[in-house]
Structure formats: structure tokens, C-alpha cells
Amino acid sequence: MAMTDEEKSKCKKIIHSHAVAAAAGNLVPVPGLGVAVDTVTMTTMAMALSAVFGSSITENVAQAMAINAIKQTALKQPIKSIAKEVSKFIPILGQTVAPSISVIMLESAGWALANQMAENKA
């Protein structure tokens, strides 16, 4: 089932705000930390998105969905995934590149998740 305009608007706000929050967490130049930040952010995003479609999911379900969405996005965009973590080894550049890539990837993963939830709504 397709999303209504209202659902799209709500999803856009949720996805973008969470992607920006993840980008802020990816400013810290510690390799591997970005994956943890992205997972936590995607988990809360999944919970918020489920409410848009009239359902409620547990944190465990949301985390599983988040990990799957991140994996699928990383598989579709492997160069970006690698570049995000490798860039953190490069002073200053990493603090610009990693957050930018994080926003792109989380926006993509968030929309994939939202579309999946829209298809599954009753």
C-alpha cells in the first residue's frame, strides 16, 4: 500500500532528524563508533516510523529491523560504508566525510524501512 502525503511528511521529518543526529555522532573520529551510533539511531527511527503507520514495535524488533536496514544499505553502497570508517583515520577530513556519508546512508536506510512498513500496513 502506498504512503499518504501525511505519512510521507511525517516520515521525512523522522528520517531526516535521525540522520542528522547520527551525523553528529559520527563527528567523533573513532573507527567503529559510527556503526554503533547508526544502529542506535536507526533503532529509535524504526520505532518512530512504526507509529506513523499505526503500529508499535518493541526495541528488540526495532533493533533487528535497524541492523537489517543498515546491512542492506551497506551492501548497496559498499564504497560509502568503507569510506565512512576509513576516513576517520584521517585527521580533519574524517570529521567531514564520515558525518556526510552517514546522513546519506541513514536517509536511504530510513526510506527503505518506511517503504517496507507502508507496504506491510493493514
C-alpha atoms as a PDB file:
ATOM      1  CA  MET A   1       0.000   0.000   0.000  1.00  0.00           C
ATOM      2  CA  ALA A   2       1.339   3.447  -0.880  1.00  0.00           C
ATOM      3  CA  MET A   3       2.055   6.111   1.703  1.00  0.00           C
ATOM      4  CA  THR A   4      -0.318   9.014   2.068  1.00  0.00           C
ATOM      5  CA  ASP A   5       1.053  12.551   1.781  1.00  0.00           C
ATOM      6  CA  GLU A   6       0.697  12.945   5.546  1.00  0.00           C
ATOM      7  CA  GLU A   7       2.661   9.730   6.185  1.00  0.00           C
ATOM      8  CA  LYS A   8       5.383  10.848   3.758  1.00  0.00           C
ATOM      9  CA  SER A   9       5.657  14.200   5.516  1.00  0.00           C
ATOM     10  CA  LYS A  10       5.923  12.567   8.954  1.00  0.00           C
ATOM     11  CA  CYS A  11       8.457  10.027   7.667  1.00  0.00           C
ATOM     12  CA  LYS A  12      10.559  12.765   6.086  1.00  0.00           C
ATOM     13  CA  LYS A  13      10.797  14.643   9.411  1.00  0.00           C
ATOM     14  CA  ILE A  14      11.622  11.483  11.372  1.00  0.00           C
ATOM     15  CA  ILE A  15      14.179  10.186   8.882  1.00  0.00           C
ATOM     16  CA  HIS A  16      15.953  13.495   8.373  1.00  0.00           C
ATOM     17  CA  SER A  17      16.143  14.380  12.078  1.00  0.00           C
ATOM     18  CA  HIS A  18      17.532  10.940  12.918  1.00  0.00           C
ATOM     19  CA  ALA A  19      20.046  11.084  10.049  1.00  0.00           C
ATOM     20  CA  VAL A  20      21.290  14.463  11.275  1.00  0.00           C
ATOM     21  CA  ALA A  21      21.592  13.096  14.826  1.00  0.00           C
ATOM     22  CA  ALA A  22      23.634  10.157  13.526  1.00  0.00           C
ATOM     23  CA  ALA A  23      25.863  12.550  11.608  1.00  0.00           C
ATOM     24  CA  ALA A  24      26.589  14.414  14.837  1.00  0.00           C
ATOM     25  CA  GLY A  25      27.583  11.114  16.469  1.00  0.00           C
ATOM     26  CA  ASN A  26      29.840  10.344  13.515  1.00  0.00           C
ATOM     27  CA  LEU A  27      31.828  13.551  14.105  1.00  0.00           C
ATOM     28  CA  VAL A  28      33.854  11.662  16.709  1.00  0.00           C
ATOM     29  CA  PRO A  29      36.909  10.310  14.854  1.00  0.00           C
ATOM     30  CA  VAL A  30      36.809   6.819  16.355  1.00  0.00           C
ATOM     31  CA  PRO A  31      36.583   3.972  13.820  1.00  0.00           C
ATOM     32  CA  GLY A  32      33.686   1.644  14.594  1.00  0.00           C
ATOM     33  CA  LEU A  33      31.839   4.146  16.779  1.00  0.00           C
ATOM     34  CA  GLY A  34      29.823   5.298  13.762  1.00  0.00           C
ATOM     35  CA  VAL A  35      28.303   1.852  13.305  1.00  0.00           C
ATOM     36  CA  ALA A  36      27.134   1.846  16.928  1.00  0.00           C
ATOM     37  CA  VAL A  37      25.713   5.359  16.612  1.00  0.00           C
ATOM     38  CA  ASP A  38      23.970   4.446  13.355  1.00  0.00           C
ATOM     39  CA  THR A  39      22.443   1.320  14.907  1.00  0.00           C
ATOM     40  CA  VAL A  40      21.077   3.171  17.942  1.00  0.00           C
ATOM     41  CA  THR A  41      19.746   5.962  15.735  1.00  0.00           C
ATOM     42  CA  MET A  42      18.120   3.552  13.288  1.00  0.00           C
ATOM     43  CA  THR A  43      16.523   1.677  16.199  1.00  0.00           C
ATOM     44  CA  THR A  44      14.801   4.799  17.505  1.00  0.00           C
ATOM     45  CA  MET A  45      13.943   5.777  13.912  1.00  0.00           C
ATOM     46  CA  ALA A  46      12.262   2.394  13.334  1.00  0.00           C
ATOM     47  CA  MET A  47      10.183   2.815  16.486  1.00  0.00           C
ATOM     48  CA  ALA A  48       9.093   6.319  15.434  1.00  0.00           C
ATOM     49  CA  LEU A  49       8.314   5.213  11.877  1.00  0.00           C
ATOM     50  CA  SER A  50       6.174   2.313  13.098  1.00  0.00           C
ATOM     51  CA  ALA A  51       3.963   4.806  14.936  1.00  0.00           C
ATOM     52  CA  VAL A  52       3.392   6.698  11.663  1.00  0.00           C
ATOM     53  CA  PHE A  53       1.808   3.561  10.249  1.00  0.00           C
ATOM     54  CA  GLY A  54      -0.313   2.873  13.316  1.00  0.00           C
ATOM     55  CA  SER A  55       1.733   0.145  14.897  1.00  0.00           C
ATOM     56  CA  SER A  56       4.071  -0.229  17.817  1.00  0.00           C
ATOM     57  CA  ILE A  57       7.214  -2.327  17.888  1.00  0.00           C
ATOM     58  CA  THR A  58       9.490  -3.296  20.741  1.00  0.00           C
ATOM     59  CA  GLU A  59      13.029  -2.050  20.985  1.00  0.00           C
ATOM     60  CA  ASN A  60      14.332  -5.550  20.140  1.00  0.00           C
ATOM     61  CA  VAL A  61      12.239  -5.714  16.963  1.00  0.00           C
ATOM     62  CA  ALA A  62      13.259  -2.162  16.057  1.00  0.00           C
ATOM     63  CA  GLN A  63      16.929  -3.011  16.594  1.00  0.00           C
ATOM     64  CA  ALA A  64      16.673  -6.088  14.366  1.00  0.00           C
ATOM     65  CA  MET A  65      14.974  -4.004  11.679  1.00  0.00           C
ATOM     66  CA  ALA A  66      17.634  -1.296  12.066  1.00  0.00           C
ATOM     67  CA  ILE A  67      20.516  -3.726  11.720  1.00  0.00           C
ATOM     68  CA  ASN A  68      18.909  -5.279   8.661  1.00  0.00           C
ATOM     69  CA  ALA A  69      18.274  -1.868   7.065  1.00  0.00           C
ATOM     70  CA  ILE A  70      21.868  -0.774   7.724  1.00  0.00           C
ATOM     71  CA  LYS A  71      23.210  -4.054   6.294  1.00  0.00           C
ATOM     72  CA  GLN A  72      21.094  -3.759   3.164  1.00  0.00           C
ATOM     73  CA  THR A  73      22.150  -0.139   2.644  1.00  0.00           C
ATOM     74  CA  ALA A  74      25.811  -1.001   3.222  1.00  0.00           C
ATOM     75  CA  LEU A  75      25.584  -3.836   0.700  1.00  0.00           C
ATOM     76  CA  LYS A  76      24.064  -1.470  -1.863  1.00  0.00           C
ATOM     77  CA  GLN A  77      26.645   1.236  -1.104  1.00  0.00           C
ATOM     78  CA  PRO A  78      29.824  -0.633  -0.050  1.00  0.00           C
ATOM     79  CA  ILE A  79      32.256   2.087  -1.107  1.00  0.00           C
ATOM     80  CA  LYS A  80      30.455   4.655   1.051  1.00  0.00           C
ATOM     81  CA  SER A  81      30.401   2.261   4.015  1.00  0.00           C
ATOM     82  CA  ILE A  82      34.117   1.624   3.791  1.00  0.00           C
ATOM     83  CA  ALA A  83      34.959   5.274   3.122  1.00  0.00           C
ATOM     84  CA  LYS A  84      32.997   6.361   6.189  1.00  0.00           C
ATOM     85  CA  GLU A  85      35.052   4.234   8.564  1.00  0.00           C
ATOM     86  CA  VAL A  86      38.418   4.634   6.800  1.00  0.00           C
ATOM     87  CA  SER A  87      38.039   8.423   6.688  1.00  0.00           C
ATOM     88  CA  LYS A  88      38.117   8.511  10.479  1.00  0.00           C
ATOM     89  CA  PHE A  89      41.809   7.628  10.355  1.00  0.00           C
ATOM     90  CA  ILE A  90      42.497  10.896   8.503  1.00  0.00           C
ATOM     91  CA  PRO A  91      42.509  13.930  10.808  1.00  0.00           C
ATOM     92  CA  ILE A  92      40.070  16.731   9.922  1.00  0.00           C
ATOM     93  CA  LEU A  93      38.974  15.082   6.641  1.00  0.00           C
ATOM     94  CA  GLY A  94      37.358  12.230   8.555  1.00  0.00           C
ATOM     95  CA  GLN A  95      35.283  14.645  10.616  1.00  0.00           C
ATOM     96  CA  THR A  96      33.800  15.990   7.383  1.00  0.00           C
ATOM     97  CA  VAL A  97      33.470  12.830   5.329  1.00  0.00           C
ATOM     98  CA  ALA A  98      32.062  10.402   7.929  1.00  0.00           C
ATOM     99  CA  PRO A  99      29.082  12.542   9.001  1.00  0.00           C
ATOM    100  CA  SER A 100      28.214  13.372   5.384  1.00  0.00           C
ATOM    101  CA  ILE A 101      28.226   9.718   4.373  1.00  0.00           C
ATOM    102  CA  SER A 102      26.254   8.812   7.498  1.00  0.00           C
ATOM    103  CA  VAL A 103      23.446  11.215   6.553  1.00  0.00           C
ATOM    104  CA  ILE A 104      23.250   9.779   3.043  1.00  0.00           C
ATOM    105  CA  MET A 105      23.223   6.183   4.246  1.00  0.00           C
ATOM    106  CA  LEU A 106      20.728   6.700   7.063  1.00  0.00           C
ATOM    107  CA  GLU A 107      18.369   8.666   4.821  1.00  0.00           C
ATOM    108  CA  SER A 108      18.491   5.776   2.342  1.00  0.00           C
ATOM    109  CA  ALA A 109      18.053   3.106   5.026  1.00  0.00           C
ATOM    110  CA  GLY A 110      15.261   5.101   6.669  1.00  0.00           C
ATOM    111  CA  TRP A 111      13.273   5.401   3.450  1.00  0.00           C
ATOM    112  CA  ALA A 112      13.756   1.696   2.743  1.00  0.00           C
ATOM    113  CA  LEU A 113      12.382   0.956   6.209  1.00  0.00           C
ATOM    114  CA  ALA A 114       9.475   3.394   5.819  1.00  0.00           C
ATOM    115  CA  ASN A 115       8.539   1.930   2.440  1.00  0.00           C
ATOM    116  CA  GLN A 116       8.652  -1.591   3.886  1.00  0.00           C
ATOM    117  CA  MET A 117       6.398  -0.553   6.767  1.00  0.00           C
ATOM    118  CA  ALA A 118       3.990   1.182   4.371  1.00  0.00           C
ATOM    119  CA  GLU A 119       3.720  -1.997   2.305  1.00  0.00           C
ATOM    120  CA  ASN A 120       3.036  -4.076   5.406  1.00  0.00           C
ATOM    121  CA  LYS A 121       0.395  -1.833   6.993  1.00  0.00           C
ATOM    122  CA  ALA A 122      -3.053  -3.291   7.252  1.00  0.00           C
END
